[in-house]
Amino acid sequence: MDAGDYVFFSGQTAYNAKDYNGETCDITTQTKRCFAHLEDVMEEAGVSFDDVIKVNVYLTGMTHFNDMNNVYQTYFHTPFPARTCVAVYELPLGADVEIECVVKRP
């Protein structure tokens, strides 16, 4: 959703791509795919990960946190955007991670 200076991106999972064929993957691969999906829609909006100010991460278990965080850290630089990370009972399409973000246009 475009709100002028801010753009709010809906949560992305590894499994909500148009070409998803039902295969499952580990948390590292899922996290990479979440960011790839976010990158695609951010590119359409003319912004990048450098413009992200807030990230929400939803995990089906905090046991996934370190693996998710290892990938997360490759997409952002210091100072990192504000982040919330919570464990939830389940996510759409059987995913183990969903990531959404807010961007401030440069």
PDB file of N, CA and C in Angstrom:
ATOM      1  N   MET A   1       0.834  -1.167   0.000  1.00  0.00           N
ATOM      2  CA  MET A   1       0.000   0.000   0.000  1.00  0.00           C
ATOM      3  C   MET A   1       0.885   1.240   0.000  1.00  0.00           C
ATOM      4  N   ASP A   2       0.648   2.113  -0.924  1.00  0.00           N
ATOM      5  CA  ASP A   2       1.414   3.349  -1.034  1.00  0.00           C
ATOM      6  C   ASP A   2       0.726   4.425  -0.209  1.00  0.00           C
ATOM      7  N   ALA A   3       1.462   4.982   0.758  1.00  0.00           N
ATOM      8  CA  ALA A   3       0.917   6.036   1.622  1.00  0.00           C
ATOM      9  C   ALA A   3       1.793   7.278   1.542  1.00  0.00           C
ATOM     10  N   GLY A   4       2.088   7.710   0.329  1.00  0.00           N
ATOM     11  CA  GLY A   4       2.904   8.905   0.137  1.00  0.00           C
ATOM     12  C   GLY A   4       4.375   8.616   0.369  1.00  0.00           C
ATOM     13  N   ASP A   5       4.925   9.152   1.467  1.00  0.00           N
ATOM     14  CA  ASP A   5       6.335   8.927   1.778  1.00  0.00           C
ATOM     15  C   ASP A   5       6.616   7.499   2.226  1.00  0.00           C
ATOM     16  N   TYR A   6       5.574   6.771   2.607  1.00  0.00           N
ATOM     17  CA  TYR A   6       5.739   5.418   3.134  1.00  0.00           C
ATOM     18  C   TYR A   6       5.050   4.404   2.236  1.00  0.00           C
ATOM     19  N   VAL A   7       5.673   3.232   2.131  1.00  0.00           N
ATOM     20  CA  VAL A   7       5.084   2.115   1.398  1.00  0.00           C
ATOM     21  C   VAL A   7       5.071   0.925   2.345  1.00  0.00           C
ATOM     22  N   PHE A   8       3.892   0.305   2.488  1.00  0.00           N
ATOM     23  CA  PHE A   8       3.708  -0.844   3.366  1.00  0.00           C
ATOM     24  C   PHE A   8       3.590  -2.090   2.495  1.00  0.00           C
ATOM     25  N   PHE A   9       4.489  -3.029   2.701  1.00  0.00           N
ATOM     26  CA  PHE A   9       4.493  -4.249   1.900  1.00  0.00           C
ATOM     27  C   PHE A   9       3.898  -5.400   2.691  1.00  0.00           C
ATOM     28  N   SER A  10       2.967  -6.095   2.074  1.00  0.00           N
ATOM     29  CA  SER A  10       2.327  -7.245   2.705  1.00  0.00           C
ATOM     30  C   SER A  10       3.338  -8.346   2.970  1.00  0.00           C
ATOM     31  N   GLY A  11       3.004  -9.184   3.939  1.00  0.00           N
ATOM     32  CA  GLY A  11       3.872 -10.297   4.283  1.00  0.00           C
ATOM     33  C   GLY A  11       4.080 -11.239   3.117  1.00  0.00           C
ATOM     34  N   GLN A  12       5.297 -11.701   2.989  1.00  0.00           N
ATOM     35  CA  GLN A  12       5.675 -12.639   1.931  1.00  0.00           C
ATOM     36  C   GLN A  12       6.160 -13.934   2.562  1.00  0.00           C
ATOM     37  N   THR A  13       5.741 -15.037   1.996  1.00  0.00           N
ATOM     38  CA  THR A  13       6.286 -16.340   2.386  1.00  0.00           C
ATOM     39  C   THR A  13       7.033 -16.914   1.189  1.00  0.00           C
ATOM     40  N   ALA A  14       7.712 -18.003   1.427  1.00  0.00           N
ATOM     41  CA  ALA A  14       8.430 -18.668   0.338  1.00  0.00           C
ATOM     42  C   ALA A  14       7.469 -19.308  -0.654  1.00  0.00           C
ATOM     43  N   TYR A  15       6.241 -19.527  -0.203  1.00  0.00           N
ATOM     44  CA  TYR A  15       5.316 -20.343  -0.987  1.00  0.00           C
ATOM     45  C   TYR A  15       4.210 -19.555  -1.672  1.00  0.00           C
ATOM     46  N   ASN A  16       4.275 -18.232  -1.707  1.00  0.00           N
ATOM     47  CA  ASN A  16       3.196 -17.501  -2.358  1.00  0.00           C
ATOM     48  C   ASN A  16       3.583 -16.940  -3.724  1.00  0.00           C
ATOM     49  N   ALA A  17       4.589 -17.516  -4.357  1.00  0.00           N
ATOM     50  CA  ALA A  17       4.971 -17.105  -5.712  1.00  0.00           C
ATOM     51  C   ALA A  17       4.007 -17.720  -6.729  1.00  0.00           C
ATOM     52  N   LYS A  18       3.862 -17.056  -7.859  1.00  0.00           N
ATOM     53  CA  LYS A  18       2.980 -17.562  -8.914  1.00  0.00           C
ATOM     54  C   LYS A  18       3.412 -18.934  -9.405  1.00  0.00           C
ATOM     55  N   ASP A  19       4.726 -19.192  -9.390  1.00  0.00           N
ATOM     56  CA  ASP A  19       5.237 -20.463  -9.909  1.00  0.00           C
ATOM     57  C   ASP A  19       5.426 -21.517  -8.827  1.00  0.00           C
ATOM     58  N   TYR A  20       4.889 -21.282  -7.622  1.00  0.00           N
ATOM     59  CA  TYR A  20       5.029 -22.263  -6.537  1.00  0.00           C
ATOM     60  C   TYR A  20       4.350 -23.559  -6.934  1.00  0.00           C
ATOM     61  N   ASN A  21       5.085 -24.670  -6.767  1.00  0.00           N
ATOM     62  CA  ASN A  21       4.551 -25.965  -7.201  1.00  0.00           C
ATOM     63  C   ASN A  21       4.328 -26.958  -6.062  1.00  0.00           C
ATOM     64  N   GLY A  22       4.347 -26.488  -4.817  1.00  0.00           N
ATOM     65  CA  GLY A  22       4.034 -27.361  -3.700  1.00  0.00           C
ATOM     66  C   GLY A  22       5.217 -27.922  -2.936  1.00  0.00           C
ATOM     67  N   GLU A  23       6.435 -27.668  -3.420  1.00  0.00           N
ATOM     68  CA  GLU A  23       7.607 -28.192  -2.712  1.00  0.00           C
ATOM     69  C   GLU A  23       7.841 -27.416  -1.421  1.00  0.00           C
ATOM     70  N   THR A  24       8.396 -28.085  -0.430  1.00  0.00           N
ATOM     71  CA  THR A  24       8.744 -27.416   0.823  1.00  0.00           C
ATOM     72  C   THR A  24      10.262 -27.288   0.897  1.00  0.00           C
ATOM     73  N   CYS A  25      10.730 -26.369   1.755  1.00  0.00           N
ATOM     74  CA  CYS A  25      12.165 -26.166   1.882  1.00  0.00           C
ATOM     75  C   CYS A  25      12.499 -25.745   3.309  1.00  0.00           C
ATOM     76  N   ASP A  26      13.784 -25.744   3.618  1.00  0.00           N
ATOM     77  CA  ASP A  26      14.227 -25.411   4.969  1.00  0.00           C
ATOM     78  C   ASP A  26      14.074 -23.920   5.240  1.00  0.00           C
ATOM     79  N   ILE A  27      14.259 -23.530   6.490  1.00  0.00           N
ATOM     80  CA  ILE A  27      14.025 -22.147   6.907  1.00  0.00           C
ATOM     81  C   ILE A  27      14.976 -21.171   6.213  1.00  0.00           C
ATOM     82  N   THR A  28      16.198 -21.566   5.974  1.00  0.00           N
ATOM     83  CA  THR A  28      17.145 -20.678   5.283  1.00  0.00           C
ATOM     84  C   THR A  28      16.653 -20.367   3.871  1.00  0.00           C
ATOM     85  N   THR A  29      16.259 -21.386   3.150  1.00  0.00           N
ATOM     86  CA  THR A  29      15.746 -21.197   1.794  1.00  0.00           C
ATOM     87  C   THR A  29      14.442 -20.416   1.812  1.00  0.00           C
ATOM     88  N   GLN A  30      13.565 -20.723   2.764  1.00  0.00           N
ATOM     89  CA  GLN A  30      12.312 -19.979   2.870  1.00  0.00           C
ATOM     90  C   GLN A  30      12.576 -18.488   3.106  1.00  0.00           C
ATOM     91  N   THR A  31      13.514 -18.183   3.989  1.00  0.00           N
ATOM     92  CA  THR A  31      13.818 -16.784   4.297  1.00  0.00           C
ATOM     93  C   THR A  31      14.366 -16.076   3.061  1.00  0.00           C
ATOM     94  N   LYS A  32      15.266 -16.733   2.345  1.00  0.00           N
ATOM     95  CA  LYS A  32      15.802 -16.147   1.110  1.00  0.00           C
ATOM     96  C   LYS A  32      14.693 -15.866   0.108  1.00  0.00           C
ATOM     97  N   ARG A  33      13.740 -16.771  -0.004  1.00  0.00           N
ATOM     98  CA  ARG A  33      12.632 -16.572  -0.938  1.00  0.00           C
ATOM     99  C   ARG A  33      11.717 -15.439  -0.487  1.00  0.00           C
ATOM    100  N   CYS A  34      11.483 -15.324   0.828  1.00  0.00           N
ATOM    101  CA  CYS A  34      10.694 -14.193   1.338  1.00  0.00           C
ATOM    102  C   CYS A  34      11.327 -12.887   0.894  1.00  0.00           C
ATOM    103  N   PHE A  35      12.630 -12.769   1.080  1.00  0.00           N
ATOM    104  CA  PHE A  35      13.321 -11.542   0.695  1.00  0.00           C
ATOM    105  C   PHE A  35      13.329 -11.349  -0.821  1.00  0.00           C
ATOM    106  N   ALA A  36      13.419 -12.416  -1.575  1.00  0.00           N
ATOM    107  CA  ALA A  36      13.370 -12.297  -3.037  1.00  0.00           C
ATOM    108  C   ALA A  36      12.007 -11.773  -3.479  1.00  0.00           C
ATOM    109  N   HIS A  37      10.928 -12.264  -2.862  1.00  0.00           N
ATOM    110  CA  HIS A  37       9.587 -11.780  -3.193  1.00  0.00           C
ATOM    111  C   HIS A  37       9.430 -10.314  -2.800  1.00  0.00           C
ATOM    112  N   LEU A  38       9.938  -9.956  -1.620  1.00  0.00           N
ATOM    113  CA  LEU A  38       9.893  -8.554  -1.200  1.00  0.00           C
ATOM    114  C   LEU A  38      10.683  -7.670  -2.166  1.00  0.00           C
ATOM    115  N   GLU A  39      11.853  -8.148  -2.563  1.00  0.00           N
ATOM    116  CA  GLU A  39      12.686  -7.375  -3.488  1.00  0.00           C
ATOM    117  C   GLU A  39      11.954  -7.113  -4.801  1.00  0.00           C
ATOM    118  N   ASP A  40      11.224  -8.107  -5.290  1.00  0.00           N
ATOM    119  CA  ASP A  40      10.472  -7.948  -6.540  1.00  0.00           C
ATOM    120  C   ASP A  40       9.431  -6.840  -6.427  1.00  0.00           C
ATOM    121  N   VAL A  41       8.643  -6.844  -5.355  1.00  0.00           N
ATOM    122  CA  VAL A  41       7.594  -5.836  -5.227  1.00  0.00           C
ATOM    123  C   VAL A  41       8.174  -4.473  -4.857  1.00  0.00           C
ATOM    124  N   MET A  42       9.278  -4.460  -4.122  1.00  0.00           N
ATOM    125  CA  MET A  42       9.928  -3.195  -3.798  1.00  0.00           C
ATOM    126  C   MET A  42      10.499  -2.550  -5.057  1.00  0.00           C
ATOM    127  N   GLU A  43      11.050  -3.361  -5.934  1.00  0.00           N
ATOM    128  CA  GLU A  43      11.587  -2.844  -7.195  1.00  0.00           C
ATOM    129  C   GLU A  43      10.479  -2.185  -8.014  1.00  0.00           C
ATOM    130  N   GLU A  44       9.301  -2.815  -8.043  1.00  0.00           N
ATOM    131  CA  GLU A  44       8.159  -2.239  -8.759  1.00  0.00           C
ATOM    132  C   GLU A  44       7.770  -0.880  -8.187  1.00  0.00           C
ATOM    133  N   ALA A  45       7.961  -0.702  -6.868  1.00  0.00           N
ATOM    134  CA  ALA A  45       7.606   0.551  -6.196  1.00  0.00           C
ATOM    135  C   ALA A  45       8.746   1.567  -6.233  1.00  0.00           C
ATOM    136  N   GLY A  46       9.900   1.174  -6.771  1.00  0.00           N
ATOM    137  CA  GLY A  46      11.023   2.088  -6.892  1.00  0.00           C
ATOM    138  C   GLY A  46      11.794   2.313  -5.601  1.00  0.00           C
ATOM    139  N   VAL A  47      11.770   1.326  -4.712  1.00  0.00           N
ATOM    140  CA  VAL A  47      12.515   1.417  -3.456  1.00  0.00           C
ATOM    141  C   VAL A  47      13.366   0.162  -3.296  1.00  0.00           C
ATOM    142  N   SER A  48      14.219   0.163  -2.257  1.00  0.00           N
ATOM    143  CA  SER A  48      15.100  -0.976  -2.036  1.00  0.00           C
ATOM    144  C   SER A  48      15.207  -1.280  -0.546  1.00  0.00           C
ATOM    145  N   PHE A  49      15.958  -2.308  -0.215  1.00  0.00           N
ATOM    146  CA  PHE A  49      16.158  -2.673   1.184  1.00  0.00           C
ATOM    147  C   PHE A  49      16.844  -1.551   1.964  1.00  0.00           C
ATOM    148  N   ASP A  50      17.588  -0.696   1.289  1.00  0.00           N
ATOM    149  CA  ASP A  50      18.218   0.439   1.961  1.00  0.00           C
ATOM    150  C   ASP A  50      17.190   1.427   2.504  1.00  0.00           C
ATOM    151  N   ASP A  51      15.970   1.376   1.982  1.00  0.00           N
ATOM    152  CA  ASP A  51      14.913   2.301   2.383  1.00  0.00           C
ATOM    153  C   ASP A  51      13.994   1.733   3.469  1.00  0.00           C
ATOM    154  N   VAL A  52      14.202   0.492   3.860  1.00  0.00           N
ATOM    155  CA  VAL A  52      13.339  -0.163   4.849  1.00  0.00           C
ATOM    156  C   VAL A  52      13.571   0.457   6.227  1.00  0.00           C
ATOM    157  N   ILE A  53      12.454   0.783   6.908  1.00  0.00           N
ATOM    158  CA  ILE A  53      12.563   1.342   8.259  1.00  0.00           C
ATOM    159  C   ILE A  53      11.987   0.411   9.326  1.00  0.00           C
ATOM    160  N   LYS A  54      11.143  -0.561   8.930  1.00  0.00           N
ATOM    161  CA  LYS A  54      10.525  -1.467   9.894  1.00  0.00           C
ATOM    162  C   LYS A  54      10.284  -2.810   9.240  1.00  0.00           C
ATOM    163  N   VAL A  55      10.597  -3.870   9.967  1.00  0.00           N
ATOM    164  CA  VAL A  55      10.391  -5.233   9.481  1.00  0.00           C
ATOM    165  C   VAL A  55       9.640  -6.011  10.551  1.00  0.00           C
ATOM    166  N   ASN A  56       8.654  -6.794  10.123  1.00  0.00           N
ATOM    167  CA  ASN A  56       7.978  -7.736  11.007  1.00  0.00           C
ATOM    168  C   ASN A  56       8.253  -9.138  10.483  1.00  0.00           C
ATOM    169  N   VAL A  57       8.722  -9.998  11.364  1.00  0.00           N
ATOM    170  CA  VAL A  57       9.023 -11.386  11.002  1.00  0.00           C
ATOM    171  C   VAL A  57       8.146 -12.294  11.847  1.00  0.00           C
ATOM    172  N   TYR A  58       7.489 -13.224  11.194  1.00  0.00           N
ATOM    173  CA  TYR A  58       6.650 -14.200  11.867  1.00  0.00           C
ATOM    174  C   TYR A  58       7.257 -15.577  11.635  1.00  0.00           C
ATOM    175  N   LEU A  59       7.519 -16.306  12.711  1.00  0.00           N
ATOM    176  CA  LEU A  59       8.108 -17.647  12.643  1.00  0.00           C
ATOM    177  C   LEU A  59       7.170 -18.640  13.300  1.00  0.00           C
ATOM    178  N   THR A  60       7.149 -19.864  12.812  1.00  0.00           N
ATOM    179  CA  THR A  60       6.329 -20.890  13.458  1.00  0.00           C
ATOM    180  C   THR A  60       7.015 -21.475  14.685  1.00  0.00           C
ATOM    181  N   GLY A  61       8.222 -21.049  14.963  1.00  0.00           N
ATOM    182  CA  GLY A  61       8.928 -21.454  16.176  1.00  0.00           C
ATOM    183  C   GLY A  61      10.214 -20.667  16.313  1.00  0.00           C
ATOM    184  N   MET A  62      10.526 -20.260  17.515  1.00  0.00           N
ATOM    185  CA  MET A  62      11.752 -19.492  17.733  1.00  0.00           C
ATOM    186  C   MET A  62      13.006 -20.333  17.507  1.00  0.00           C
ATOM    187  N   THR A  63      12.848 -21.632  17.347  1.00  0.00           N
ATOM    188  CA  THR A  63      13.997 -22.458  16.989  1.00  0.00           C
ATOM    189  C   THR A  63      14.526 -22.087  15.605  1.00  0.00           C
ATOM    190  N   HIS A  64      13.704 -21.397  14.813  1.00  0.00           N
ATOM    191  CA  HIS A  64      14.108 -20.947  13.473  1.00  0.00           C
ATOM    192  C   HIS A  64      14.835 -19.604  13.489  1.00  0.00           C
ATOM    193  N   PHE A  65      14.875 -18.934  14.643  1.00  0.00           N
ATOM    194  CA  PHE A  65      15.361 -17.559  14.689  1.00  0.00           C
ATOM    195  C   PHE A  65      16.786 -17.407  14.157  1.00  0.00           C
ATOM    196  N   ASN A  66      17.726 -18.199  14.628  1.00  0.00           N
ATOM    197  CA  ASN A  66      19.127 -18.028  14.213  1.00  0.00           C
ATOM    198  C   ASN A  66      19.312 -18.219  12.714  1.00  0.00           C
ATOM    199  N   ASP A  67      18.681 -19.234  12.149  1.00  0.00           N
ATOM    200  CA  ASP A  67      18.813 -19.463  10.704  1.00  0.00           C
ATOM    201  C   ASP A  67      18.179 -18.324   9.910  1.00  0.00           C
ATOM    202  N   MET A  68      17.006 -17.861  10.346  1.00  0.00           N
ATOM    203  CA  MET A  68      16.372 -16.723   9.691  1.00  0.00           C
ATOM    204  C   MET A  68      17.257 -15.486   9.819  1.00  0.00           C
ATOM    205  N   ASN A  69      17.776 -15.244  11.020  1.00  0.00           N
ATOM    206  CA  ASN A  69      18.561 -14.052  11.284  1.00  0.00           C
ATOM    207  C   ASN A  69      19.857 -14.022  10.472  1.00  0.00           C
ATOM    208  N   ASN A  70      20.459 -15.185  10.231  1.00  0.00           N
ATOM    209  CA  ASN A  70      21.669 -15.243   9.410  1.00  0.00           C
ATOM    210  C   ASN A  70      21.394 -14.720   8.004  1.00  0.00           C
ATOM    211  N   VAL A  71      20.238 -15.040   7.459  1.00  0.00           N
ATOM    212  CA  VAL A  71      19.858 -14.536   6.138  1.00  0.00           C
ATOM    213  C   VAL A  71      19.478 -13.064   6.246  1.00  0.00           C
ATOM    214  N   TYR A  72      18.690 -12.722   7.230  1.00  0.00           N
ATOM    215  CA  TYR A  72      18.221 -11.342   7.443  1.00  0.00           C
ATOM    216  C   TYR A  72      19.390 -10.361   7.430  1.00  0.00           C
ATOM    217  N   GLN A  73      20.452 -10.699   8.120  1.00  0.00           N
ATOM    218  CA  GLN A  73      21.596  -9.805   8.242  1.00  0.00           C
ATOM    219  C   GLN A  73      22.310  -9.541   6.925  1.00  0.00           C
ATOM    220  N   THR A  74      22.087 -10.378   5.921  1.00  0.00           N
ATOM    221  CA  THR A  74      22.722 -10.152   4.625  1.00  0.00           C
ATOM    222  C   THR A  74      21.972  -9.113   3.789  1.00  0.00           C
ATOM    223  N   TYR A  75      20.740  -8.778   4.188  1.00  0.00           N
ATOM    224  CA  TYR A  75      19.930  -7.830   3.427  1.00  0.00           C
ATOM    225  C   TYR A  75      19.957  -6.413   3.980  1.00  0.00           C
ATOM    226  N   PHE A  76      20.426  -6.249   5.218  1.00  0.00           N
ATOM    227  CA  PHE A  76      20.402  -4.940   5.858  1.00  0.00           C
ATOM    228  C   PHE A  76      21.768  -4.595   6.421  1.00  0.00           C
ATOM    229  N   HIS A  77      21.992  -3.295   6.583  1.00  0.00           N
ATOM    230  CA  HIS A  77      23.257  -2.782   7.098  1.00  0.00           C
ATOM    231  C   HIS A  77      22.994  -1.963   8.355  1.00  0.00           C
ATOM    232  N   THR A  78      24.018  -1.762   9.135  1.00  0.00           N
ATOM    233  CA  THR A  78      23.918  -0.935  10.329  1.00  0.00           C
ATOM    234  C   THR A  78      23.665   0.502   9.923  1.00  0.00           C
ATOM    235  N   PRO A  79      22.766   1.224  10.534  1.00  0.00           N
ATOM    236  CA  PRO A  79      21.880   0.745  11.596  1.00  0.00           C
ATOM    237  C   PRO A  79      20.737  -0.076  10.989  1.00  0.00           C
ATOM    238  N   PHE A  80      20.467  -1.218  11.573  1.00  0.00           N
ATOM    239  CA  PHE A  80      19.413  -2.091  11.073  1.00  0.00           C
ATOM    240  C   PHE A  80      18.050  -1.423  11.266  1.00  0.00           C
ATOM    241  N   PRO A  81      17.091  -1.743  10.394  1.00  0.00           N
ATOM    242  CA  PRO A  81      15.743  -1.210  10.600  1.00  0.00           C
ATOM    243  C   PRO A  81      15.150  -1.774  11.900  1.00  0.00           C
ATOM    244  N   ALA A  82      14.171  -1.075  12.447  1.00  0.00           N
ATOM    245  CA  ALA A  82      13.448  -1.603  13.606  1.00  0.00           C
ATOM    246  C   ALA A  82      12.838  -2.944  13.204  1.00  0.00           C
ATOM    247  N   ARG A  83      12.793  -3.873  14.162  1.00  0.00           N
ATOM    248  CA  ARG A  83      12.273  -5.205  13.820  1.00  0.00           C
ATOM    249  C   ARG A  83      11.477  -5.774  14.977  1.00  0.00           C
ATOM    250  N   THR A  84      10.402  -6.444  14.614  1.00  0.00           N
ATOM    251  CA  THR A  84       9.648  -7.262  15.545  1.00  0.00           C
ATOM    252  C   THR A  84       9.708  -8.682  15.015  1.00  0.00           C
ATOM    253  N   CYS A  85       9.943  -9.632  15.896  1.00  0.00           N
ATOM    254  CA  CYS A  85       9.959 -11.043  15.496  1.00  0.00           C
ATOM    255  C   CYS A  85       9.152 -11.816  16.520  1.00  0.00           C
ATOM    256  N   VAL A  86       8.119 -12.495  16.061  1.00  0.00           N
ATOM    257  CA  VAL A  86       7.255 -13.247  16.964  1.00  0.00           C
ATOM    258  C   VAL A  86       7.034 -14.660  16.429  1.00  0.00           C
ATOM    259  N   ALA A  87       6.745 -15.553  17.362  1.00  0.00           N
ATOM    260  CA  ALA A  87       6.369 -16.913  17.001  1.00  0.00           C
ATOM    261  C   ALA A  87       4.848 -16.980  16.910  1.00  0.00           C
ATOM    262  N   VAL A  88       4.373 -17.644  15.891  1.00  0.00           N
ATOM    263  CA  VAL A  88       2.934 -17.807  15.671  1.00  0.00           C
ATOM    264  C   VAL A  88       2.620 -19.287  15.525  1.00  0.00           C
ATOM    265  N   TYR A  89       1.367 -19.613  15.680  1.00  0.00           N
ATOM    266  CA  TYR A  89       0.959 -21.017  15.615  1.00  0.00           C
ATOM    267  C   TYR A  89       1.174 -21.610  14.226  1.00  0.00           C
ATOM    268  N   GLU A  90       0.716 -20.899  13.202  1.00  0.00           N
ATOM    269  CA  GLU A  90       0.926 -21.357  11.830  1.00  0.00           C
ATOM    270  C   GLU A  90       0.838 -20.190  10.871  1.00  0.00           C
ATOM    271  N   LEU A  91       1.349 -20.406   9.652  1.00  0.00           N
ATOM    272  CA  LEU A  91       1.371 -19.383   8.609  1.00  0.00           C
ATOM    273  C   LEU A  91       0.716 -19.927   7.342  1.00  0.00           C
ATOM    274  N   PRO A  92       0.315 -19.044   6.428  1.00  0.00           N
ATOM    275  CA  PRO A  92      -0.316 -19.486   5.191  1.00  0.00           C
ATOM    276  C   PRO A  92       0.565 -20.459   4.402  1.00  0.00           C
ATOM    277  N   LEU A  93      -0.099 -21.384   3.746  1.00  0.00           N
ATOM    278  CA  LEU A  93       0.535 -22.334   2.830  1.00  0.00           C
ATOM    279  C   LEU A  93       1.557 -23.240   3.515  1.00  0.00           C
ATOM    280  N   GLY A  94       1.498 -23.355   4.844  1.00  0.00           N
ATOM    281  CA  GLY A  94       2.421 -24.221   5.565  1.00  0.00           C
ATOM    282  C   GLY A  94       3.825 -23.654   5.699  1.00  0.00           C
ATOM    283  N   ALA A  95       3.989 -22.362   5.472  1.00  0.00           N
ATOM    284  CA  ALA A  95       5.309 -21.732   5.583  1.00  0.00           C
ATOM    285  C   ALA A  95       5.743 -21.667   7.047  1.00  0.00           C
ATOM    286  N   ASP A  96       7.057 -21.570   7.257  1.00  0.00           N
ATOM    287  CA  ASP A  96       7.620 -21.427   8.595  1.00  0.00           C
ATOM    288  C   ASP A  96       8.067 -20.003   8.884  1.00  0.00           C
ATOM    289  N   VAL A  97       8.082 -19.129   7.862  1.00  0.00           N
ATOM    290  CA  VAL A  97       8.474 -17.735   8.046  1.00  0.00           C
ATOM    291  C   VAL A  97       7.681 -16.861   7.078  1.00  0.00           C
ATOM    292  N   GLU A  98       7.268 -15.706   7.575  1.00  0.00           N
ATOM    293  CA  GLU A  98       6.631 -14.681   6.757  1.00  0.00           C
ATOM    294  C   GLU A  98       7.259 -13.352   7.153  1.00  0.00           C
ATOM    295  N   ILE A  99       7.584 -12.532   6.159  1.00  0.00           N
ATOM    296  CA  ILE A  99       8.254 -11.266   6.413  1.00  0.00           C
ATOM    297  C   ILE A  99       7.516 -10.139   5.692  1.00  0.00           C
ATOM    298  N   GLU A 100       7.274  -9.046   6.438  1.00  0.00           N
ATOM    299  CA  GLU A 100       6.668  -7.853   5.873  1.00  0.00           C
ATOM    300  C   GLU A 100       7.513  -6.655   6.270  1.00  0.00           C
ATOM    301  N   CYS A 101       7.365  -5.547   5.534  1.00  0.00           N
ATOM    302  CA  CYS A 101       8.181  -4.393   5.877  1.00  0.00           C
ATOM    303  C   CYS A 101       7.499  -3.087   5.500  1.00  0.00           C
ATOM    304  N   VAL A 102       8.037  -2.011   6.087  1.00  0.00           N
ATOM    305  CA  VAL A 102       7.614  -0.650   5.784  1.00  0.00           C
ATOM    306  C   VAL A 102       8.838   0.091   5.260  1.00  0.00           C
ATOM    307  N   VAL A 103       8.630   0.849   4.182  1.00  0.00           N
ATOM    308  CA  VAL A 103       9.713   1.574   3.534  1.00  0.00           C
ATOM    309  C   VAL A 103       9.381   3.069   3.546  1.00  0.00           C
ATOM    310  N   LYS A 104      10.386   3.879   3.779  1.00  0.00           N
ATOM    311  CA  LYS A 104      10.236   5.335   3.630  1.00  0.00           C
ATOM    312  C   LYS A 104      10.951   5.711   2.338  1.00  0.00           C
ATOM    313  N   ARG A 105      10.211   6.319   1.448  1.00  0.00           N
ATOM    314  CA  ARG A 105      10.801   6.716   0.164  1.00  0.00           C
ATOM    315  C   ARG A 105      11.969   7.682   0.404  1.00  0.00           C
ATOM    316  N   PRO A 106      13.052   7.522  -0.370  1.00  0.00           N
ATOM    317  CA  PRO A 106      14.202   8.423  -0.207  1.00  0.00           C
ATOM    318  C   PRO A 106      13.887   9.839  -0.685  1.00  0.00           C
TER     319      PRO A 106
END
